[in-house]
Amino acid sequence: MTLRVNGTAHRLAVPRDTRLLYVLRNDLALNGPKFGCGLGECGACTVLLDGAAARSCSIPVGACEGREVTTLEGLTADGTAQGAPGPVQRAFIAEQAAQCGYCLNGMIMATEALLRRHPRPDEAQIRAALSHNLCRCGTHVEILRAARRAADERG
């Protein structure tokens, strides 16, 4: 099958029912999405699927064929894992919105998906978009500030 990730097509010989998260991490060496709960509940594995936030631990890779998958690495300024942080990533860095950092992939990807749908979200929209991403460290205030900052900087 062919999987398009971060703008690049990849030919893969994997079973179609393999979870997208495993293909991204193990076959494509993209470590932005994290394994958290494995049930699609915590959000650590969030990617964008055709621009919408999706839980890669619960999506079979076969369901992604013909669609665009974007990982945290694809949000960099040049779309590569080595690129400079993109606007949402920079906002999270500026607001120091991480403690352990494990939830950050999901928080950043959920923020990116929100801003693609609603470039000028209000506080309620930001809270709703991030409400299904779990942070066990308690950096919610900083994460909310980072999401607001990313929206403001996108203007």
C-alpha atoms as a PDB file:
ATOM      1  CA  MET A   1       0.000   0.000   0.000  1.00  0.00           C
ATOM      2  CA  THR A   2       0.972   3.648  -0.336  1.00  0.00           C
ATOM      3  CA  LEU A   3       0.693   5.972   2.630  1.00  0.00           C
ATOM      4  CA  ARG A   4       1.109   9.724   2.231  1.00  0.00           C
ATOM      5  CA  VAL A   5       2.680  11.233   5.355  1.00  0.00           C
ATOM      6  CA  ASN A   6       3.870  14.821   5.734  1.00  0.00           C
ATOM      7  CA  GLY A   7       3.615  15.347   1.996  1.00  0.00           C
ATOM      8  CA  THR A   8       5.663  12.277   1.037  1.00  0.00           C
ATOM      9  CA  ALA A   9       4.323   9.018  -0.402  1.00  0.00           C
ATOM     10  CA  HIS A  10       5.661   5.849   1.241  1.00  0.00           C
ATOM     11  CA  ARG A  11       5.293   2.352  -0.225  1.00  0.00           C
ATOM     12  CA  LEU A  12       4.725  -0.056   2.651  1.00  0.00           C
ATOM     13  CA  ALA A  13       4.384  -3.801   2.946  1.00  0.00           C
ATOM     14  CA  VAL A  14       2.339  -3.971   6.144  1.00  0.00           C
ATOM     15  CA  PRO A  15      -0.990  -5.617   6.966  1.00  0.00           C
ATOM     16  CA  ARG A  16      -3.825  -3.146   6.328  1.00  0.00           C
ATOM     17  CA  ASP A  17      -5.175  -3.687   9.845  1.00  0.00           C
ATOM     18  CA  THR A  18      -1.905  -2.550  11.481  1.00  0.00           C
ATOM     19  CA  ARG A  19      -2.564   0.520  13.574  1.00  0.00           C
ATOM     20  CA  LEU A  20      -1.348   3.740  11.992  1.00  0.00           C
ATOM     21  CA  LEU A  21       0.651   4.643  15.109  1.00  0.00           C
ATOM     22  CA  TYR A  22       2.837   1.535  14.767  1.00  0.00           C
ATOM     23  CA  VAL A  23       3.542   2.234  11.094  1.00  0.00           C
ATOM     24  CA  LEU A  24       4.433   5.857  11.800  1.00  0.00           C
ATOM     25  CA  ARG A  25       6.781   5.025  14.669  1.00  0.00           C
ATOM     26  CA  ASN A  26       8.218   1.667  13.626  1.00  0.00           C
ATOM     27  CA  ASP A  27       8.291   1.813   9.835  1.00  0.00           C
ATOM     28  CA  LEU A  28       8.671   5.534   9.179  1.00  0.00           C
ATOM     29  CA  ALA A  29      10.669   6.492  12.321  1.00  0.00           C
ATOM     30  CA  LEU A  30       8.318   9.371  13.139  1.00  0.00           C
ATOM     31  CA  ASN A  31       8.320   9.660  16.899  1.00  0.00           C
ATOM     32  CA  GLY A  32       6.062  12.672  17.369  1.00  0.00           C
ATOM     33  CA  PRO A  33       2.951  10.570  17.944  1.00  0.00           C
ATOM     34  CA  LYS A  34       3.265   8.744  21.265  1.00  0.00           C
ATOM     35  CA  PHE A  35       1.739   5.519  22.510  1.00  0.00           C
ATOM     36  CA  GLY A  36      -0.330   6.469  25.528  1.00  0.00           C
ATOM     37  CA  CYS A  37      -3.376   4.346  26.230  1.00  0.00           C
ATOM     38  CA  GLY A  38      -3.723   2.386  22.988  1.00  0.00           C
ATOM     39  CA  LEU A  39      -7.490   2.961  23.121  1.00  0.00           C
ATOM     40  CA  GLY A  40      -7.834   6.366  21.456  1.00  0.00           C
ATOM     41  CA  GLU A  41      -8.667   7.986  24.781  1.00  0.00           C
ATOM     42  CA  CYS A  42      -5.637  10.025  25.876  1.00  0.00           C
ATOM     43  CA  GLY A  43      -4.651  11.827  22.665  1.00  0.00           C
ATOM     44  CA  ALA A  44      -0.879  11.283  22.857  1.00  0.00           C
ATOM     45  CA  CYS A  45      -0.980   9.583  19.450  1.00  0.00           C
ATOM     46  CA  THR A  46      -2.931  12.348  17.677  1.00  0.00           C
ATOM     47  CA  VAL A  47      -2.120  13.067  14.039  1.00  0.00           C
ATOM     48  CA  LEU A  48      -3.979  15.031  11.406  1.00  0.00           C
ATOM     49  CA  LEU A  49      -5.867  12.956   8.889  1.00  0.00           C
ATOM     50  CA  ASP A  50      -6.895  15.181   6.001  1.00  0.00           C
ATOM     51  CA  GLY A  51      -6.449  18.101   8.405  1.00  0.00           C
ATOM     52  CA  ALA A  52      -8.655  16.753  11.210  1.00  0.00           C
ATOM     53  CA  ALA A  53      -7.343  15.452  14.529  1.00  0.00           C
ATOM     54  CA  ALA A  54      -7.351  11.643  14.621  1.00  0.00           C
ATOM     55  CA  ARG A  55      -6.114   9.041  17.114  1.00  0.00           C
ATOM     56  CA  SER A  56      -3.490   7.002  15.277  1.00  0.00           C
ATOM     57  CA  CYS A  57      -3.501   4.182  17.846  1.00  0.00           C
ATOM     58  CA  SER A  58      -7.017   3.189  16.855  1.00  0.00           C
ATOM     59  CA  ILE A  59      -6.975   3.724  13.074  1.00  0.00           C
ATOM     60  CA  PRO A  60      -5.983   0.866  10.770  1.00  0.00           C
ATOM     61  CA  VAL A  61      -3.361   2.013   8.288  1.00  0.00           C
ATOM     62  CA  GLY A  62      -5.510   0.682   5.446  1.00  0.00           C
ATOM     63  CA  ALA A  63      -8.122   3.336   6.250  1.00  0.00           C
ATOM     64  CA  CYS A  64      -5.508   6.023   5.548  1.00  0.00           C
ATOM     65  CA  GLU A  65      -4.664   5.056   1.987  1.00  0.00           C
ATOM     66  CA  GLY A  66      -5.438   7.939  -0.360  1.00  0.00           C
ATOM     67  CA  ARG A  67      -5.533  10.405   2.528  1.00  0.00           C
ATOM     68  CA  GLU A  68      -2.985  12.871   3.906  1.00  0.00           C
ATOM     69  CA  VAL A  69      -1.466  12.066   7.290  1.00  0.00           C
ATOM     70  CA  THR A  70       0.364  14.848   9.102  1.00  0.00           C
ATOM     71  CA  THR A  71       2.460  14.165  12.171  1.00  0.00           C
ATOM     72  CA  LEU A  72       4.142  16.556  14.585  1.00  0.00           C
ATOM     73  CA  GLU A  73       7.219  16.411  12.360  1.00  0.00           C
ATOM     74  CA  GLY A  74       5.133  17.692   9.449  1.00  0.00           C
ATOM     75  CA  LEU A  75       4.250  20.883  11.334  1.00  0.00           C
ATOM     76  CA  THR A  76       7.806  22.196  11.287  1.00  0.00           C
ATOM     77  CA  ALA A  77       8.534  25.242   9.171  1.00  0.00           C
ATOM     78  CA  ASP A  78       9.847  23.065   6.319  1.00  0.00           C
ATOM     79  CA  GLY A  79       7.788  19.937   7.041  1.00  0.00           C
ATOM     80  CA  THR A  80      10.751  17.797   8.056  1.00  0.00           C
ATOM     81  CA  ALA A  81      11.702  16.256  11.389  1.00  0.00           C
ATOM     82  CA  GLN A  82      14.827  18.435  11.431  1.00  0.00           C
ATOM     83  CA  GLY A  83      13.038  21.662  10.534  1.00  0.00           C
ATOM     84  CA  ALA A  84      12.523  24.698  12.712  1.00  0.00           C
ATOM     85  CA  PRO A  85       9.390  24.574  14.855  1.00  0.00           C
ATOM     86  CA  GLY A  86       6.196  25.710  13.167  1.00  0.00           C
ATOM     87  CA  PRO A  87       3.889  28.414  14.570  1.00  0.00           C
ATOM     88  CA  VAL A  88       1.930  26.196  16.975  1.00  0.00           C
ATOM     89  CA  GLN A  89       5.102  24.501  18.179  1.00  0.00           C
ATOM     90  CA  ARG A  90       6.741  27.902  18.758  1.00  0.00           C
ATOM     91  CA  ALA A  91       3.746  29.054  20.801  1.00  0.00           C
ATOM     92  CA  PHE A  92       3.973  25.966  23.013  1.00  0.00           C
ATOM     93  CA  ILE A  93       7.693  26.567  23.514  1.00  0.00           C
ATOM     94  CA  ALA A  94       7.191  30.257  24.296  1.00  0.00           C
ATOM     95  CA  GLU A  95       4.516  29.493  26.899  1.00  0.00           C
ATOM     96  CA  GLN A  96       6.563  26.644  28.405  1.00  0.00           C
ATOM     97  CA  ALA A  97       3.522  24.426  27.957  1.00  0.00           C
ATOM     98  CA  ALA A  98       5.256  21.199  28.891  1.00  0.00           C
ATOM     99  CA  GLN A  99       6.343  19.499  32.010  1.00  0.00           C
ATOM    100  CA  CYS A 100       7.042  15.880  31.117  1.00  0.00           C
ATOM    101  CA  GLY A 101       6.098  16.554  27.473  1.00  0.00           C
ATOM    102  CA  TYR A 102       4.319  13.266  26.828  1.00  0.00           C
ATOM    103  CA  CYS A 103       0.936  14.827  26.043  1.00  0.00           C
ATOM    104  CA  LEU A 104       2.420  17.607  23.941  1.00  0.00           C
ATOM    105  CA  ASN A 105       2.151  15.841  20.590  1.00  0.00           C
ATOM    106  CA  GLY A 106      -1.585  15.474  21.049  1.00  0.00           C
ATOM    107  CA  MET A 107      -2.079  18.974  22.411  1.00  0.00           C
ATOM    108  CA  ILE A 108      -0.149  20.540  19.539  1.00  0.00           C
ATOM    109  CA  MET A 109      -1.915  18.449  16.906  1.00  0.00           C
ATOM    110  CA  ALA A 110      -5.357  19.192  18.397  1.00  0.00           C
ATOM    111  CA  THR A 111      -4.492  22.910  18.441  1.00  0.00           C
ATOM    112  CA  GLU A 112      -3.335  22.761  14.823  1.00  0.00           C
ATOM    113  CA  ALA A 113      -6.553  21.013  13.767  1.00  0.00           C
ATOM    114  CA  LEU A 114      -8.625  23.609  15.633  1.00  0.00           C
ATOM    115  CA  LEU A 115      -6.801  26.538  14.027  1.00  0.00           C
ATOM    116  CA  ARG A 116      -7.285  25.040  10.585  1.00  0.00           C
ATOM    117  CA  ARG A 117     -11.053  24.924  11.231  1.00  0.00           C
ATOM    118  CA  HIS A 118     -11.341  28.128  13.266  1.00  0.00           C
ATOM    119  CA  PRO A 119      -8.400  30.512  12.796  1.00  0.00           C
ATOM    120  CA  ARG A 120      -9.713  32.841  15.546  1.00  0.00           C
ATOM    121  CA  PRO A 121     -11.174  30.498  18.185  1.00  0.00           C
ATOM    122  CA  ASP A 122     -12.607  31.785  21.409  1.00  0.00           C
ATOM    123  CA  GLU A 123     -11.709  30.373  24.811  1.00  0.00           C
ATOM    124  CA  ALA A 124     -14.618  27.902  24.778  1.00  0.00           C
ATOM    125  CA  GLN A 125     -13.584  26.521  21.374  1.00  0.00           C
ATOM    126  CA  ILE A 126      -9.989  26.077  22.546  1.00  0.00           C
ATOM    127  CA  ARG A 127     -11.097  24.300  25.704  1.00  0.00           C
ATOM    128  CA  ALA A 128     -13.465  22.046  23.753  1.00  0.00           C
ATOM    129  CA  ALA A 129     -10.792  21.156  21.182  1.00  0.00           C
ATOM    130  CA  LEU A 130      -8.309  20.181  23.894  1.00  0.00           C
ATOM    131  CA  SER A 131     -10.772  18.602  26.324  1.00  0.00           C
ATOM    132  CA  HIS A 132     -10.166  15.047  25.117  1.00  0.00           C
ATOM    133  CA  ASN A 133      -6.382  15.243  25.387  1.00  0.00           C
ATOM    134  CA  LEU A 134      -5.083  14.207  28.777  1.00  0.00           C
ATOM    135  CA  CYS A 135      -2.232  15.896  30.620  1.00  0.00           C
ATOM    136  CA  ARG A 136      -1.229  14.238  33.842  1.00  0.00           C
ATOM    137  CA  CYS A 137       1.339  16.895  34.807  1.00  0.00           C
ATOM    138  CA  GLY A 138      -1.166  19.686  35.189  1.00  0.00           C
ATOM    139  CA  THR A 139       0.183  22.188  32.661  1.00  0.00           C
ATOM    140  CA  HIS A 140      -3.313  22.979  31.417  1.00  0.00           C
ATOM    141  CA  VAL A 141      -3.042  26.722  32.034  1.00  0.00           C
ATOM    142  CA  GLU A 142       0.159  26.958  29.987  1.00  0.00           C
ATOM    143  CA  ILE A 143      -1.315  24.747  27.260  1.00  0.00           C
ATOM    144  CA  LEU A 144      -4.380  26.988  26.997  1.00  0.00           C
ATOM    145  CA  ARG A 145      -2.133  30.074  26.824  1.00  0.00           C
ATOM    146  CA  ALA A 146      -0.067  28.406  24.100  1.00  0.00           C
ATOM    147  CA  ALA A 147      -3.166  27.609  22.040  1.00  0.00           C
ATOM    148  CA  ARG A 148      -4.375  31.207  22.408  1.00  0.00           C
ATOM    149  CA  ARG A 149      -0.903  32.513  21.477  1.00  0.00           C
ATOM    150  CA  ALA A 150      -0.777  30.295  18.373  1.00  0.00           C
ATOM    151  CA  ALA A 151      -4.169  31.622  17.280  1.00  0.00           C
ATOM    152  CA  ASP A 152      -3.132  35.213  17.922  1.00  0.00           C
ATOM    153  CA  GLU A 153       0.149  34.825  16.058  1.00  0.00           C
ATOM    154  CA  ARG A 154      -1.575  33.247  13.063  1.00  0.00           C
ATOM    155  CA  GLY A 155      -3.837  36.299  13.023  1.00  0.00           C
END
